[in-house]
Protein backbone atom coordinates (compact mmCIF):
# COMPACT_ATOMS: atom_id res chain seq x y z
CA MET A 1 0.00 0.00 0.00
CA ALA A 2 1.42 3.39 -1.00
CA THR A 3 2.11 5.96 1.68
CA THR A 4 1.09 9.55 1.04
CA LEU A 5 3.61 12.19 2.09
CA GLU A 6 2.24 14.96 4.24
CA THR A 7 3.60 18.47 4.57
CA ALA A 8 3.41 19.81 8.12
CA ILE A 9 2.37 23.45 8.36
CA THR A 10 1.77 25.54 11.46
CA ALA A 11 -1.63 27.08 12.03
CA GLN A 12 -0.10 30.53 11.58
CA GLU A 13 1.50 29.50 8.26
CA PHE A 14 -1.84 28.09 7.11
CA VAL A 15 -3.64 31.33 7.93
CA ARG A 16 -1.08 33.32 5.92
CA SER A 17 -1.10 30.98 2.92
CA ALA A 18 -4.50 29.25 2.95
CA ALA A 19 -5.27 30.03 -0.69
CA GLU A 20 -1.91 28.64 -1.85
CA VAL A 21 -2.27 25.52 0.29
CA LEU A 22 -5.76 24.85 -1.05
CA ASP A 23 -4.55 25.36 -4.62
CA ARG A 24 -1.76 22.82 -4.05
CA VAL A 25 -4.26 20.35 -2.60
CA ARG A 26 -6.66 20.77 -5.51
CA GLU A 27 -4.18 21.00 -8.35
CA ARG A 28 -1.39 18.67 -7.20
CA GLY A 29 -3.18 16.39 -4.75
CA GLU A 30 -0.86 17.40 -1.91
CA HIS A 31 -1.64 16.55 1.71
CA PHE A 32 -1.03 18.95 4.61
CA VAL A 33 -1.17 18.53 8.38
CA VAL A 34 -1.84 21.65 10.43
CA VAL A 35 0.16 21.71 13.67
CA ARG A 36 -0.69 23.94 16.63
CA ASP A 37 1.49 24.01 19.74
CA GLY A 38 3.29 20.90 18.49
CA GLU A 39 0.04 18.90 18.14
CA ARG A 40 -1.44 17.70 14.86
CA VAL A 41 -4.90 19.27 14.80
CA ALA A 42 -6.13 19.03 11.22
CA ALA A 43 -5.49 17.32 7.91
CA ILE A 44 -6.05 19.03 4.59
CA GLU A 45 -6.20 16.61 1.69
CA PRO A 46 -8.07 16.13 -1.56
CA VAL A 47 -11.69 15.13 -1.05
CA SER A 48 -11.19 11.95 -3.05
CA ALA A 49 -8.43 10.83 -0.65
CA ALA A 50 -10.61 11.54 2.38
CA LYS A 51 -13.50 9.60 0.83
CA ARG A 52 -11.23 6.61 0.17
CA ALA A 53 -9.78 6.73 3.68
CA HIS A 54 -13.15 6.99 5.42
CA GLY A 55 -15.41 5.20 2.96
CA GLY A 56 -17.39 8.42 2.59
CA VAL A 57 -19.97 9.22 -0.02
CA THR A 58 -21.38 12.48 -1.27
CA LEU A 59 -24.85 13.58 -0.25
CA ARG A 60 -26.11 12.81 -3.77
CA GLN A 61 -24.64 9.28 -3.58
CA PHE A 62 -26.24 8.78 -0.16
CA ILE A 63 -29.66 9.86 -1.46
CA ASP A 64 -29.29 7.49 -4.42
CA LEU A 65 -28.38 4.65 -2.03
CA LEU A 66 -31.48 5.36 0.05
CA ARG A 67 -33.67 5.32 -3.06
CA GLU A 68 -32.22 1.95 -4.10
CA ALA A 69 -32.48 0.37 -0.64
CA PRO A 70 -35.24 -2.16 -0.06
CA ARG A 71 -38.32 -0.82 1.72
CA PRO A 72 -39.13 -2.08 5.22
CA ASP A 73 -41.64 -4.89 5.36
CA SER A 74 -45.05 -4.60 7.04
CA LYS A 75 -43.69 -5.75 10.43
CA PHE A 76 -40.96 -3.11 10.63
CA ALA A 77 -43.07 -0.66 12.67
CA ASP A 78 -44.02 -3.46 15.07
CA ASP A 79 -40.33 -4.31 15.52
CA LEU A 80 -39.48 -0.69 16.29
CA GLU A 81 -42.31 -0.46 18.81
CA ALA A 82 -41.15 -3.65 20.54
CA ILE A 83 -37.61 -2.30 20.77
CA GLN A 84 -38.86 0.97 22.22
CA CYS A 85 -41.06 -0.77 24.80
CA ASN A 86 -38.14 -2.89 26.00
CA GLN A 87 -35.76 0.02 26.57
CA PRO A 88 -34.97 0.79 30.21
CA PRO A 89 -36.07 4.20 31.45
CA MET A 90 -33.47 6.93 31.07
CA ALA A 91 -31.99 8.52 34.16
CA GLN A 92 -33.01 12.11 34.75
CA THR A 93 -30.33 14.63 33.79
CA GLN A 94 -29.73 18.25 34.63
CA TRP A 95 -31.30 19.10 31.28
CA ASP A 96 -34.63 17.59 32.35
CA SER A 97 -35.32 20.40 34.85
CA SER A 98 -37.70 22.99 33.48
CA SER A 99 -35.76 26.14 32.77
CA THR A 100 -38.20 27.25 30.11
CA PRO A 101 -41.87 27.97 30.62
CA ALA A 102 -44.16 25.05 29.87
CA SER A 103 -46.32 25.48 26.84
CA SER A 104 -50.03 25.59 27.53
């Protein structure tokens, strides 16, 4: 498997040369890693490389996949209801307290 070389760039360098970096990514397929305080915080790479690495799809591809997917059978809603009924009650959290007026 081929290894892609990455160019490390500080956050400050990226801010100063963002347009150039993005041009190099788009036109040459270069990969950059943004480093802040010695820590790698972001990767900038061509979209096609990111999609391959993460198995991603575009929104259009996702919509097409949903259209092609088989429809749930007639018992699907019953299955979902059974799952919901068998869930344990959730513990109350700090967000459950009423900080907003109740609607009437």
